[in-house]
N, C-alpha and C. Protein backbone atom coordinates (compact mmCIF):
# COMPACT_ATOMS: atom_id res chain seq x y z
N MET A 1 12.90 203.30 212.54
CA MET A 1 13.69 202.71 213.79
C MET A 1 14.19 202.22 212.90
N LYS A 2 16.10 202.38 213.75
CA LYS A 2 16.39 201.45 213.02
C LYS A 2 16.64 199.87 213.60
N ASN A 3 17.43 198.61 213.21
CA ASN A 3 17.08 197.34 213.51
C ASN A 3 17.53 197.49 214.94
N ALA A 4 18.31 197.81 215.61
CA ALA A 4 18.61 197.76 216.77
C ALA A 4 17.16 198.06 217.77
N ALA A 5 16.64 198.90 217.33
CA ALA A 5 15.50 199.30 218.78
C ALA A 5 14.95 198.37 218.28
N MET A 6 14.29 198.06 216.84
CA MET A 6 13.11 197.35 216.55
C MET A 6 13.62 196.08 217.20
N PHE A 7 14.82 195.68 217.22
CA PHE A 7 15.63 194.39 218.12
C PHE A 7 14.66 194.88 219.25
N TRP A 8 15.07 195.48 220.34
CA TRP A 8 14.76 195.08 221.94
C TRP A 8 13.54 195.49 221.45
N VAL A 9 12.81 195.76 220.66
CA VAL A 9 10.87 195.27 221.11
C VAL A 9 10.65 194.25 220.98
N GLY A 10 11.23 193.59 219.71
CA GLY A 10 10.74 192.50 219.98
C GLY A 10 11.52 190.87 220.88
N ALA A 11 12.70 191.22 221.40
CA ALA A 11 12.97 190.70 222.75
C ALA A 11 12.59 190.75 223.45
N THR A 12 12.17 192.35 224.28
CA THR A 12 11.37 192.37 225.44
C THR A 12 9.92 191.88 225.28
N THR A 13 9.37 192.11 223.52
CA THR A 13 7.88 191.34 223.96
C THR A 13 7.71 189.49 224.13
N LEU A 14 8.80 189.27 223.49
CA LEU A 14 8.95 188.05 223.38
C LEU A 14 9.33 187.62 224.83
N VAL A 15 10.14 187.99 225.31
CA VAL A 15 10.44 187.66 227.46
C VAL A 15 8.82 187.81 228.08
N LEU A 16 8.27 188.88 227.38
CA LEU A 16 7.17 188.76 228.39
C LEU A 16 6.31 187.84 228.04
N VAL A 17 5.74 187.77 227.03
CA VAL A 17 4.83 186.52 226.69
C VAL A 17 5.04 185.18 227.16
N THR A 18 6.57 185.00 227.20
CA THR A 18 7.08 183.70 227.60
C THR A 18 6.78 183.69 229.30
N VAL A 19 6.55 185.04 229.81
CA VAL A 19 6.58 185.04 231.50
C VAL A 19 5.06 184.54 231.63
N THR A 20 4.84 184.94 230.48
CA THR A 20 2.83 185.02 231.08
C THR A 20 2.03 183.43 230.47
N ILE A 21 3.19 182.65 229.48
CA ILE A 21 2.64 181.07 229.07
C ILE A 21 3.24 180.59 230.33
N MET A 22 4.66 180.50 231.04
CA MET A 22 5.11 180.12 232.13
C MET A 22 4.46 180.18 233.70
N ALA A 23 3.68 181.53 233.59
CA ALA A 23 3.06 181.85 235.13
C ALA A 23 1.49 180.38 234.62
N ALA A 24 1.44 180.89 233.51
CA ALA A 24 -0.46 180.23 233.11
C ALA A 24 -0.08 178.72 233.08
N MET A 25 1.46 177.79 233.36
CA MET A 25 1.55 176.95 233.16
C MET A 25 2.33 176.15 234.69
N ASN A 26 1.98 177.43 235.11
CA ASN A 26 2.35 176.88 236.95
C ASN A 26 3.98 176.60 236.62
N PHE A 27 4.72 177.69 235.93
CA PHE A 27 6.36 177.11 236.51
C PHE A 27 6.49 177.49 238.13
N PRO A 28 8.06 177.04 238.01
CA PRO A 28 7.96 177.87 239.48
C PRO A 28 8.18 179.30 239.72
N PHE A 29 7.71 179.36 241.19
CA PHE A 29 8.11 180.89 240.81
C PHE A 29 9.01 181.36 240.93
N ASN A 30 10.30 180.90 241.29
CA ASN A 30 11.25 181.86 241.00
C ASN A 30 11.27 181.85 239.86
N TRP A 31 11.64 181.25 238.64
CA TRP A 31 11.69 181.38 237.84
C TRP A 31 10.49 182.23 236.56
N VAL A 32 9.63 182.59 237.45
CA VAL A 32 8.50 183.54 236.92
C VAL A 32 9.00 184.56 237.54
N PHE A 33 9.05 184.77 238.43
CA PHE A 33 9.86 186.03 239.37
C PHE A 33 10.87 187.04 239.04
N TYR A 34 12.54 185.48 238.30
CA TYR A 34 13.56 186.26 237.96
C TYR A 34 13.09 186.68 236.20
N LEU A 35 12.29 186.30 235.42
CA LEU A 35 11.98 186.26 234.58
C LEU A 35 10.91 187.67 234.13
N THR A 36 10.12 188.48 235.30
CA THR A 36 9.55 188.90 234.99
C THR A 36 10.65 190.03 235.76
N VAL A 37 11.46 190.04 236.46
CA VAL A 37 12.46 190.89 236.73
C VAL A 37 13.42 191.64 235.76
N ILE A 38 13.64 190.51 235.19
CA ILE A 38 14.66 190.98 233.32
C ILE A 38 13.46 191.39 232.40
N GLY A 39 12.31 191.11 232.45
CA GLY A 39 11.44 191.79 231.70
C GLY A 39 11.36 193.11 231.79
N GLN A 40 11.27 193.61 232.91
CA GLN A 40 11.04 194.97 233.31
C GLN A 40 11.77 195.71 233.34
N ILE A 41 13.62 195.60 233.34
CA ILE A 41 14.54 195.77 233.36
C ILE A 41 14.68 196.18 231.55
N MET A 42 13.94 195.35 230.62
CA MET A 42 14.16 194.69 229.03
C MET A 42 13.45 196.41 228.95
N ILE A 43 12.48 196.65 229.68
CA ILE A 43 11.66 197.29 229.08
C ILE A 43 12.20 198.63 229.56
N VAL A 44 12.17 198.89 230.19
CA VAL A 44 13.15 200.12 230.58
C VAL A 44 14.92 200.34 229.36
N PHE A 45 14.76 199.64 229.28
CA PHE A 45 16.12 199.90 228.14
C PHE A 45 15.59 199.65 226.54
N MET A 46 14.87 199.35 226.66
CA MET A 46 14.26 199.11 225.45
C MET A 46 13.31 200.90 224.90
N VAL A 47 12.76 201.24 226.29
CA VAL A 47 12.05 202.31 225.99
C VAL A 47 12.79 203.36 225.82
N TYR A 48 14.28 203.26 226.30
CA TYR A 48 15.04 204.45 226.72
C TYR A 48 16.27 204.21 224.65
N ARG A 49 16.07 203.18 224.30
CA ARG A 49 16.43 202.87 222.85
C ARG A 49 15.13 203.09 221.91
N VAL A 50 14.54 203.24 221.47
CA VAL A 50 13.32 203.97 220.97
C VAL A 50 13.33 205.24 221.07
N LEU A 51 13.21 205.64 222.41
CA LEU A 51 13.35 207.24 222.18
C LEU A 51 14.79 208.14 221.94
N THR A 52 15.82 207.38 222.22
CA THR A 52 17.10 207.53 221.64
C THR A 52 17.36 207.25 219.77
N ASP A 53 16.32 206.68 219.66
CA ASP A 53 16.96 206.70 218.53
C ASP A 53 16.71 207.54 217.24
N ASN A 54 17.73 207.74 216.30
CA ASN A 54 17.70 208.91 215.87
C ASN A 54 17.22 208.68 214.23
N TYR A 55 15.86 208.78 214.57
CA TYR A 55 14.53 209.04 213.23
C TYR A 55 13.92 210.01 213.07
N LYS A 56 14.14 209.86 211.81
CA LYS A 56 13.94 211.32 210.50
C LYS A 56 12.76 211.15 210.07
N THR A 57 11.43 211.42 210.37
CA THR A 57 10.34 211.59 209.09
C THR A 57 10.17 213.35 208.90
N GLU A 58 9.48 213.04 207.08
CA GLU A 58 8.64 213.72 206.97
C GLU A 58 7.36 214.14 207.03
N LYS A 59 6.59 212.96 207.57
CA LYS A 59 5.03 213.05 208.17
C LYS A 59 4.72 214.42 208.87
N THR A 60 3.54 214.43 209.06
CA THR A 60 3.12 215.09 210.42
C THR A 60 1.61 214.41 210.60
N PHE A 61 0.87 215.16 211.30
CA PHE A 61 -0.11 214.69 211.54
C PHE A 61 -1.24 214.96 210.42
N ALA A 62 -0.76 216.21 209.78
CA ALA A 62 -1.95 216.11 208.51
C ALA A 62 -1.88 214.87 207.24
N ASP A 63 -1.01 214.03 207.46
CA ASP A 63 -0.76 212.68 207.18
C ASP A 63 -1.45 211.64 207.23
N PHE A 64 -2.48 211.59 208.46
CA PHE A 64 -3.23 211.03 208.76
C PHE A 64 -2.56 209.81 209.09
N TYR A 65 -2.92 208.29 209.40
CA TYR A 65 -2.84 206.99 209.33
C TYR A 65 -1.69 206.59 208.04
N GLU A 66 -0.93 205.92 208.67
CA GLU A 66 0.18 205.32 207.24
C GLU A 66 -0.89 203.85 207.06
N ASP A 67 -2.11 203.34 207.76
CA ASP A 67 -3.03 202.33 207.04
C ASP A 67 -3.91 203.00 205.93
N HIS A 68 -3.97 204.42 206.08
CA HIS A 68 -4.90 204.85 205.50
C HIS A 68 -4.76 206.28 205.30
N PRO A 69 -3.41 206.50 203.86
CA PRO A 69 -2.93 207.95 203.82
C PRO A 69 -4.43 208.90 203.44
N ILE A 70 -4.28 210.13 203.24
CA ILE A 70 -4.90 210.94 202.81
C ILE A 70 -3.92 212.13 202.49
N GLY A 71 -2.67 212.47 202.89
CA GLY A 71 -1.92 213.15 202.21
C GLY A 71 -1.98 214.65 203.06
N LYS A 72 -1.76 215.55 202.69
CA LYS A 72 -1.62 217.10 203.52
C LYS A 72 -3.44 217.50 202.57
N GLN A 73 -4.24 217.61 203.15
CA GLN A 73 -5.35 217.94 201.82
C GLN A 73 -5.92 219.38 202.51
N GLU A 74 -6.59 220.43 202.09
CA GLU A 74 -7.08 221.28 202.99
C GLU A 74 -8.24 220.77 203.17
N HIS A 75 -8.30 221.39 204.58
CA HIS A 75 -10.02 220.71 204.83
C HIS A 75 -10.99 222.11 204.69
N TYR A 76 -12.28 221.96 204.10
CA TYR A 76 -13.27 223.15 204.19
C TYR A 76 -13.97 223.23 204.87
N ARG A 77 -14.63 223.74 205.42
CA ARG A 77 -15.87 224.04 206.67
C ARG A 77 -17.24 225.00 205.56
């Protein structure tokens, strides 16, 4: 993904973690409420940005996982 899409993922995560911390520390309700609404709007925009990102890859499901690549191997039974 481009940096623009990853920026929104990071920013949304930061806002929602901040909401969690503020709720746990008993911040005033209106602060937590408004930041929650902003976080929900950011989630919708983040999903839109990630899904419309112009990302191309040559990998398929046959490549397995990134942390344990097995390549395109033939499976024999």
